[in-house]
Amino acid sequence: MGPQPGTRTHHGDRAARARRRVVSLTEKFDLEIKERRFMFAVLAAAAEYELELRAERQARGDRRRQVARGEGRMLPGPSVL
């Protein structure tokens, strides 16, 4: 039985991945050719890396802000919390 609509599957689930189709309203993706699937996977991995990197930097900044507040200091930048 395949994944239910609206559920996420693991990256390694080859059968589920083969049943999925990517639909873009702005770009034409042809994932029928292995080279294009490879390029799409590389771009998706880079996007995921950037997302995680941004989240780590944001968490680091939040921790610095909390420490500074505890010490009675203020860091430069907007104080919207």
PDB file of N, CA and C in Angstrom:
ATOM      1  N   MET A   1       0.841  -1.179   0.000  1.00  0.00           N
ATOM      2  CA  MET A   1       0.000   0.000   0.000  1.00  0.00           C
ATOM      3  C   MET A   1       0.883   1.237   0.000  1.00  0.00           C
ATOM      4  N   GLY A   2       0.628   2.188  -0.837  1.00  0.00           N
ATOM      5  CA  GLY A   2       1.430   3.400  -0.974  1.00  0.00           C
ATOM      6  C   GLY A   2       1.091   4.428   0.087  1.00  0.00           C
ATOM      7  N   PRO A   3       1.822   5.522   0.072  1.00  0.00           N
ATOM      8  CA  PRO A   3       1.578   6.564   1.066  1.00  0.00           C
ATOM      9  C   PRO A   3       0.212   7.192   0.867  1.00  0.00           C
ATOM     10  N   GLN A   4      -0.396   7.593   1.962  1.00  0.00           N
ATOM     11  CA  GLN A   4      -1.693   8.255   1.902  1.00  0.00           C
ATOM     12  C   GLN A   4      -1.503   9.670   1.377  1.00  0.00           C
ATOM     13  N   PRO A   5      -2.468  10.216   0.686  1.00  0.00           N
ATOM     14  CA  PRO A   5      -2.349  11.593   0.200  1.00  0.00           C
ATOM     15  C   PRO A   5      -2.105  12.546   1.365  1.00  0.00           C
ATOM     16  N   GLY A   6      -1.168  13.452   1.177  1.00  0.00           N
ATOM     17  CA  GLY A   6      -0.859  14.438   2.190  1.00  0.00           C
ATOM     18  C   GLY A   6       0.173  13.993   3.204  1.00  0.00           C
ATOM     19  N   THR A   7       0.639  12.728   3.126  1.00  0.00           N
ATOM     20  CA  THR A   7       1.660  12.274   4.067  1.00  0.00           C
ATOM     21  C   THR A   7       3.028  12.372   3.424  1.00  0.00           C
ATOM     22  N   ARG A   8       4.057  12.491   4.274  1.00  0.00           N
ATOM     23  CA  ARG A   8       5.431  12.598   3.777  1.00  0.00           C
ATOM     24  C   ARG A   8       6.089  11.233   3.878  1.00  0.00           C
ATOM     25  N   THR A   9       6.937  10.928   2.926  1.00  0.00           N
ATOM     26  CA  THR A   9       7.663   9.668   2.961  1.00  0.00           C
ATOM     27  C   THR A   9       9.144   9.946   3.100  1.00  0.00           C
ATOM     28  N   HIS A  10       9.894   8.943   3.504  1.00  0.00           N
ATOM     29  CA  HIS A  10      11.341   9.071   3.688  1.00  0.00           C
ATOM     30  C   HIS A  10      12.018   9.165   2.326  1.00  0.00           C
ATOM     31  N   HIS A  11      13.164   9.887   2.270  1.00  0.00           N
ATOM     32  CA  HIS A  11      13.889  10.077   1.012  1.00  0.00           C
ATOM     33  C   HIS A  11      14.282   8.749   0.378  1.00  0.00           C
ATOM     34  N   GLY A  12      14.566   7.735   1.182  1.00  0.00           N
ATOM     35  CA  GLY A  12      15.048   6.465   0.660  1.00  0.00           C
ATOM     36  C   GLY A  12      13.947   5.573   0.124  1.00  0.00           C
ATOM     37  N   ASP A  13      12.719   5.962   0.236  1.00  0.00           N
ATOM     38  CA  ASP A  13      11.614   5.129  -0.223  1.00  0.00           C
ATOM     39  C   ASP A  13      11.476   5.277  -1.731  1.00  0.00           C
ATOM     40  N   ARG A  14      12.228   4.458  -2.454  1.00  0.00           N
ATOM     41  CA  ARG A  14      12.313   4.574  -3.913  1.00  0.00           C
ATOM     42  C   ARG A  14      10.962   4.374  -4.593  1.00  0.00           C
ATOM     43  N   ALA A  15      10.172   3.433  -4.113  1.00  0.00           N
ATOM     44  CA  ALA A  15       8.877   3.159  -4.748  1.00  0.00           C
ATOM     45  C   ALA A  15       7.952   4.368  -4.623  1.00  0.00           C
ATOM     46  N   ALA A  16       7.901   4.955  -3.428  1.00  0.00           N
ATOM     47  CA  ALA A  16       7.043   6.124  -3.238  1.00  0.00           C
ATOM     48  C   ALA A  16       7.546   7.290  -4.063  1.00  0.00           C
ATOM     49  N   ARG A  17       8.858   7.451  -4.132  1.00  0.00           N
ATOM     50  CA  ARG A  17       9.443   8.553  -4.900  1.00  0.00           C
ATOM     51  C   ARG A  17       9.127   8.393  -6.383  1.00  0.00           C
ATOM     52  N   ALA A  18       9.110   7.169  -6.855  1.00  0.00           N
ATOM     53  CA  ALA A  18       8.833   6.926  -8.272  1.00  0.00           C
ATOM     54  C   ALA A  18       7.385   7.268  -8.618  1.00  0.00           C
ATOM     55  N   ARG A  19       6.480   7.178  -7.646  1.00  0.00           N
ATOM     56  CA  ARG A  19       5.067   7.478  -7.901  1.00  0.00           C
ATOM     57  C   ARG A  19       4.768   8.970  -7.840  1.00  0.00           C
ATOM     58  N   ARG A  20       5.649   9.744  -7.244  1.00  0.00           N
ATOM     59  CA  ARG A  20       5.410  11.186  -7.107  1.00  0.00           C
ATOM     60  C   ARG A  20       5.767  11.925  -8.386  1.00  0.00           C
ATOM     61  N   ARG A  21       5.037  12.980  -8.622  1.00  0.00           N
ATOM     62  CA  ARG A  21       5.352  13.849  -9.747  1.00  0.00           C
ATOM     63  C   ARG A  21       5.522  15.261  -9.217  1.00  0.00           C
ATOM     64  N   VAL A  22       6.503  15.964  -9.738  1.00  0.00           N
ATOM     65  CA  VAL A  22       6.737  17.344  -9.358  1.00  0.00           C
ATOM     66  C   VAL A  22       6.039  18.226 -10.372  1.00  0.00           C
ATOM     67  N   VAL A  23       5.225  19.141  -9.877  1.00  0.00           N
ATOM     68  CA  VAL A  23       4.513  20.065 -10.751  1.00  0.00           C
ATOM     69  C   VAL A  23       4.901  21.470 -10.330  1.00  0.00           C
ATOM     70  N   SER A  24       5.460  22.222 -11.248  1.00  0.00           N
ATOM     71  CA  SER A  24       5.829  23.605 -10.984  1.00  0.00           C
ATOM     72  C   SER A  24       4.997  24.496 -11.887  1.00  0.00           C
ATOM     73  N   LEU A  25       4.527  25.580 -11.323  1.00  0.00           N
ATOM     74  CA  LEU A  25       3.738  26.520 -12.114  1.00  0.00           C
ATOM     75  C   LEU A  25       4.611  27.504 -12.865  1.00  0.00           C
ATOM     76  N   THR A  26       5.906  27.596 -12.488  1.00  0.00           N
ATOM     77  CA  THR A  26       6.790  28.578 -13.111  1.00  0.00           C
ATOM     78  C   THR A  26       7.927  27.958 -13.917  1.00  0.00           C
ATOM     79  N   GLU A  27       8.281  26.725 -13.638  1.00  0.00           N
ATOM     80  CA  GLU A  27       9.395  26.065 -14.330  1.00  0.00           C
ATOM     81  C   GLU A  27       8.935  24.740 -14.909  1.00  0.00           C
ATOM     82  N   LYS A  28       9.583  24.318 -15.984  1.00  0.00           N
ATOM     83  CA  LYS A  28       9.274  23.023 -16.572  1.00  0.00           C
ATOM     84  C   LYS A  28      10.330  22.030 -16.114  1.00  0.00           C
ATOM     85  N   PHE A  29       9.917  21.056 -15.319  1.00  0.00           N
ATOM     86  CA  PHE A  29      10.806  19.999 -14.849  1.00  0.00           C
ATOM     87  C   PHE A  29      10.474  18.717 -15.592  1.00  0.00           C
ATOM     88  N   ASP A  30      11.468  18.111 -16.197  1.00  0.00           N
ATOM     89  CA  ASP A  30      11.293  16.823 -16.839  1.00  0.00           C
ATOM     90  C   ASP A  30      12.155  15.829 -16.073  1.00  0.00           C
ATOM     91  N   LEU A  31      11.514  15.077 -15.175  1.00  0.00           N
ATOM     92  CA  LEU A  31      12.253  14.152 -14.329  1.00  0.00           C
ATOM     93  C   LEU A  31      12.251  12.733 -14.890  1.00  0.00           C
ATOM     94  N   GLU A  32      11.953  12.610 -16.147  1.00  0.00           N
ATOM     95  CA  GLU A  32      11.949  11.291 -16.779  1.00  0.00           C
ATOM     96  C   GLU A  32      13.359  10.847 -17.142  1.00  0.00           C
ATOM     97  N   ILE A  33      14.295  11.782 -17.238  1.00  0.00           N
ATOM     98  CA  ILE A  33      15.677  11.470 -17.630  1.00  0.00           C
ATOM     99  C   ILE A  33      16.536  11.461 -16.378  1.00  0.00           C
ATOM    100  N   LYS A  34      17.374  10.444 -16.220  1.00  0.00           N
ATOM    101  CA  LYS A  34      18.147  10.263 -14.977  1.00  0.00           C
ATOM    102  C   LYS A  34      19.055  11.447 -14.670  1.00  0.00           C
ATOM    103  N   GLU A  35      19.618  12.092 -15.672  1.00  0.00           N
ATOM    104  CA  GLU A  35      20.493  13.244 -15.426  1.00  0.00           C
ATOM    105  C   GLU A  35      19.709  14.411 -14.831  1.00  0.00           C
ATOM    106  N   ARG A  36      18.499  14.598 -15.287  1.00  0.00           N
ATOM    107  CA  ARG A  36      17.676  15.694 -14.761  1.00  0.00           C
ATOM    108  C   ARG A  36      17.194  15.368 -13.352  1.00  0.00           C
ATOM    109  N   ARG A  37      16.890  14.102 -13.082  1.00  0.00           N
ATOM    110  CA  ARG A  37      16.538  13.710 -11.713  1.00  0.00           C
ATOM    111  C   ARG A  37      17.717  13.946 -10.786  1.00  0.00           C
ATOM    112  N   PHE A  38      18.934  13.642 -11.262  1.00  0.00           N
ATOM    113  CA  PHE A  38      20.136  13.870 -10.470  1.00  0.00           C
ATOM    114  C   PHE A  38      20.300  15.360 -10.170  1.00  0.00           C
ATOM    115  N   MET A  39      20.157  16.204 -11.177  1.00  0.00           N
ATOM    116  CA  MET A  39      20.306  17.638 -10.990  1.00  0.00           C
ATOM    117  C   MET A  39      19.249  18.168 -10.020  1.00  0.00           C
ATOM    118  N   PHE A  40      18.030  17.682 -10.162  1.00  0.00           N
ATOM    119  CA  PHE A  40      16.961  18.087  -9.253  1.00  0.00           C
ATOM    120  C   PHE A  40      17.304  17.684  -7.825  1.00  0.00           C
ATOM    121  N   ALA A  41      17.834  16.474  -7.632  1.00  0.00           N
ATOM    122  CA  ALA A  41      18.212  15.997  -6.301  1.00  0.00           C
ATOM    123  C   ALA A  41      19.331  16.858  -5.714  1.00  0.00           C
ATOM    124  N   VAL A  42      20.305  17.247  -6.541  1.00  0.00           N
ATOM    125  CA  VAL A  42      21.404  18.101  -6.075  1.00  0.00           C
ATOM    126  C   VAL A  42      20.859  19.457  -5.643  1.00  0.00           C
ATOM    127  N   LEU A  43      19.988  20.041  -6.445  1.00  0.00           N
ATOM    128  CA  LEU A  43      19.407  21.339  -6.099  1.00  0.00           C
ATOM    129  C   LEU A  43      18.550  21.252  -4.839  1.00  0.00           C
ATOM    130  N   ALA A  44      17.801  20.166  -4.700  1.00  0.00           N
ATOM    131  CA  ALA A  44      16.979  19.976  -3.503  1.00  0.00           C
ATOM    132  C   ALA A  44      17.863  19.824  -2.268  1.00  0.00           C
ATOM    133  N   ALA A  45      18.973  19.090  -2.401  1.00  0.00           N
ATOM    134  CA  ALA A  45      19.899  18.926  -1.278  1.00  0.00           C
ATOM    135  C   ALA A  45      20.527  20.263  -0.895  1.00  0.00           C
ATOM    136  N   ALA A  46      20.890  21.064  -1.873  1.00  0.00           N
ATOM    137  CA  ALA A  46      21.470  22.383  -1.592  1.00  0.00           C
ATOM    138  C   ALA A  46      20.447  23.271  -0.890  1.00  0.00           C
ATOM    139  N   ALA A  47      19.207  23.213  -1.313  1.00  0.00           N
ATOM    140  CA  ALA A  47      18.157  24.010  -0.676  1.00  0.00           C
ATOM    141  C   ALA A  47      17.941  23.565   0.763  1.00  0.00           C
ATOM    142  N   GLU A  48      17.955  22.255   0.998  1.00  0.00           N
ATOM    143  CA  GLU A  48      17.784  21.731   2.352  1.00  0.00           C
ATOM    144  C   GLU A  48      18.956  22.153   3.238  1.00  0.00           C
ATOM    145  N   TYR A  49      20.178  22.111   2.700  1.00  0.00           N
ATOM    146  CA  TYR A  49      21.366  22.536   3.431  1.00  0.00           C
ATOM    147  C   TYR A  49      21.244  24.010   3.828  1.00  0.00           C
ATOM    148  N   GLU A  50      20.855  24.853   2.895  1.00  0.00           N
ATOM    149  CA  GLU A  50      20.706  26.283   3.174  1.00  0.00           C
ATOM    150  C   GLU A  50      19.640  26.524   4.233  1.00  0.00           C
ATOM    151  N   LEU A  51      18.555  25.774   4.180  1.00  0.00           N
ATOM    152  CA  LEU A  51      17.489  25.914   5.165  1.00  0.00           C
ATOM    153  C   LEU A  51      17.995  25.563   6.556  1.00  0.00           C
ATOM    154  N   GLU A  52      18.724  24.450   6.673  1.00  0.00           N
ATOM    155  CA  GLU A  52      19.268  24.041   7.968  1.00  0.00           C
ATOM    156  C   GLU A  52      20.316  25.028   8.460  1.00  0.00           C
ATOM    157  N   LEU A  53      21.156  25.530   7.561  1.00  0.00           N
ATOM    158  CA  LEU A  53      22.183  26.495   7.936  1.00  0.00           C
ATOM    159  C   LEU A  53      21.550  27.780   8.474  1.00  0.00           C
ATOM    160  N   ARG A  54      20.516  28.256   7.817  1.00  0.00           N
ATOM    161  CA  ARG A  54      19.811  29.449   8.276  1.00  0.00           C
ATOM    162  C   ARG A  54      19.189  29.219   9.643  1.00  0.00           C
ATOM    163  N   ALA A  55      18.585  28.047   9.844  1.00  0.00           N
ATOM    164  CA  ALA A  55      17.959  27.743  11.132  1.00  0.00           C
ATOM    165  C   ALA A  55      19.003  27.699  12.254  1.00  0.00           C
ATOM    166  N   GLU A  56      20.186  27.120  11.975  1.00  0.00           N
ATOM    167  CA  GLU A  56      21.253  27.073  12.971  1.00  0.00           C
ATOM    168  C   GLU A  56      21.723  28.478  13.329  1.00  0.00           C
ATOM    169  N   ARG A  57      21.900  29.323  12.323  1.00  0.00           N
ATOM    170  CA  ARG A  57      22.344  30.697  12.574  1.00  0.00           C
ATOM    171  C   ARG A  57      21.298  31.468  13.368  1.00  0.00           C
ATOM    172  N   GLN A  58      20.049  31.271  13.043  1.00  0.00           N
ATOM    173  CA  GLN A  58      18.984  31.967  13.762  1.00  0.00           C
ATOM    174  C   GLN A  58      18.954  31.507  15.220  1.00  0.00           C
ATOM    175  N   ALA A  59      19.088  30.198  15.455  1.00  0.00           N
ATOM    176  CA  ALA A  59      19.093  29.683  16.824  1.00  0.00           C
ATOM    177  C   ALA A  59      20.286  30.229  17.601  1.00  0.00           C
ATOM    178  N   ARG A  60      21.444  30.313  16.949  1.00  0.00           N
ATOM    179  CA  ARG A  60      22.639  30.858  17.596  1.00  0.00           C
ATOM    180  C   ARG A  60      22.407  32.318  17.992  1.00  0.00           C
ATOM    181  N   GLY A  61      21.812  33.094  17.102  1.00  0.00           N
ATOM    182  CA  GLY A  61      21.509  34.489  17.402  1.00  0.00           C
ATOM    183  C   GLY A  61      20.504  34.621  18.532  1.00  0.00           C
ATOM    184  N   ASP A  62      19.501  33.744  18.566  1.00  0.00           N
ATOM    185  CA  ASP A  62      18.514  33.768  19.645  1.00  0.00           C
ATOM    186  C   ASP A  62      19.183  33.489  20.989  1.00  0.00           C
ATOM    187  N   ARG A  63      20.105  32.503  21.011  1.00  0.00           N
ATOM    188  CA  ARG A  63      20.819  32.186  22.251  1.00  0.00           C
ATOM    189  C   ARG A  63      21.669  33.375  22.706  1.00  0.00           C
ATOM    190  N   ARG A  64      22.372  34.014  21.768  1.00  0.00           N
ATOM    191  CA  ARG A  64      23.189  35.183  22.116  1.00  0.00           C
ATOM    192  C   ARG A  64      22.323  36.295  22.692  1.00  0.00           C
ATOM    193  N   ARG A  65      21.153  36.494  22.108  1.00  0.00           N
ATOM    194  CA  ARG A  65      20.247  37.539  22.568  1.00  0.00           C
ATOM    195  C   ARG A  65      19.756  37.233  23.983  1.00  0.00           C
ATOM    196  N   GLN A  66      19.435  35.970  24.258  1.00  0.00           N
ATOM    197  CA  GLN A  66      18.975  35.595  25.594  1.00  0.00           C
ATOM    198  C   GLN A  66      20.073  35.805  26.633  1.00  0.00           C
ATOM    199  N   VAL A  67      21.304  35.428  26.307  1.00  0.00           N
ATOM    200  CA  VAL A  67      22.423  35.612  27.230  1.00  0.00           C
ATOM    201  C   VAL A  67      22.641  37.096  27.484  1.00  0.00           C
ATOM    202  N   ALA A  68      22.623  37.894  26.436  1.00  0.00           N
ATOM    203  CA  ALA A  68      22.828  39.334  26.578  1.00  0.00           C
ATOM    204  C   ALA A  68      21.732  39.952  27.443  1.00  0.00           C
ATOM    205  N   ARG A  69      20.504  39.534  27.250  1.00  0.00           N
ATOM    206  CA  ARG A  69      19.397  40.054  28.067  1.00  0.00           C
ATOM    207  C   ARG A  69      19.594  39.697  29.532  1.00  0.00           C
ATOM    208  N   GLY A  70      20.032  38.457  29.778  1.00  0.00           N
ATOM    209  CA  GLY A  70      20.267  38.017  31.151  1.00  0.00           C
ATOM    210  C   GLY A  70      21.362  38.828  31.826  1.00  0.00           C
ATOM    211  N   GLU A  71      22.298  39.325  31.037  1.00  0.00           N
ATOM    212  CA  GLU A  71      23.392  40.137  31.575  1.00  0.00           C
ATOM    213  C   GLU A  71      23.061  41.625  31.559  1.00  0.00           C
ATOM    214  N   GLY A  72      21.856  41.974  31.119  1.00  0.00           N
ATOM    215  CA  GLY A  72      21.458  43.371  31.085  1.00  0.00           C
ATOM    216  C   GLY A  72      22.010  44.139  29.913  1.00  0.00           C
ATOM    217  N   ARG A  73      22.523  43.436  28.900  1.00  0.00           N
ATOM    218  CA  ARG A  73      23.071  44.103  27.707  1.00  0.00           C
ATOM    219  C   ARG A  73      22.065  44.029  26.575  1.00  0.00           C
ATOM    220  N   MET A  74      22.284  44.840  25.562  1.00  0.00           N
ATOM    221  CA  MET A  74      21.472  44.775  24.351  1.00  0.00           C
ATOM    222  C   MET A  74      22.387  44.537  23.171  1.00  0.00           C
ATOM    223  N   LEU A  75      21.941  43.716  22.258  1.00  0.00           N
ATOM    224  CA  LEU A  75      22.681  43.486  21.017  1.00  0.00           C
ATOM    225  C   LEU A  75      22.134  44.405  19.938  1.00  0.00           C
ATOM    226  N   PRO A  76      22.962  44.762  18.962  1.00  0.00           N
ATOM    227  CA  PRO A  76      22.452  45.604  17.866  1.00  0.00           C
ATOM    228  C   PRO A  76      21.380  44.862  17.072  1.00  0.00           C
ATOM    229  N   GLY A  77      20.497  45.607  16.516  1.00  0.00           N
ATOM    230  CA  GLY A  77      19.458  45.024  15.678  1.00  0.00           C
ATOM    231  C   GLY A  77      18.085  45.255  16.288  1.00  0.00           C
ATOM    232  N   PRO A  78      17.049  44.817  15.585  1.00  0.00           N
ATOM    233  CA  PRO A  78      15.695  45.045  16.077  1.00  0.00           C
ATOM    234  C   PRO A  78      15.439  44.249  17.350  1.00  0.00           C
ATOM    235  N   SER A  79      14.714  44.841  18.270  1.00  0.00           N
ATOM    236  CA  SER A  79      14.387  44.149  19.514  1.00  0.00           C
ATOM    237  C   SER A  79      12.910  43.748  19.484  1.00  0.00           C
ATOM    238  N   VAL A  80      12.586  42.884  18.559  1.00  0.00           N
ATOM    239  CA  VAL A  80      11.211  42.415  18.388  1.00  0.00           C
ATOM    240  C   VAL A  80      11.147  40.973  18.872  1.00  0.00           C
ATOM    241  N   LEU A  81      10.721  40.797  20.077  1.00  0.00           N
ATOM    242  CA  LEU A  81      10.532  39.444  20.642  1.00  0.00           C
ATOM    243  C   LEU A  81       9.348  39.394  21.531  1.00  0.00           C
TER     244      LEU A  81
END
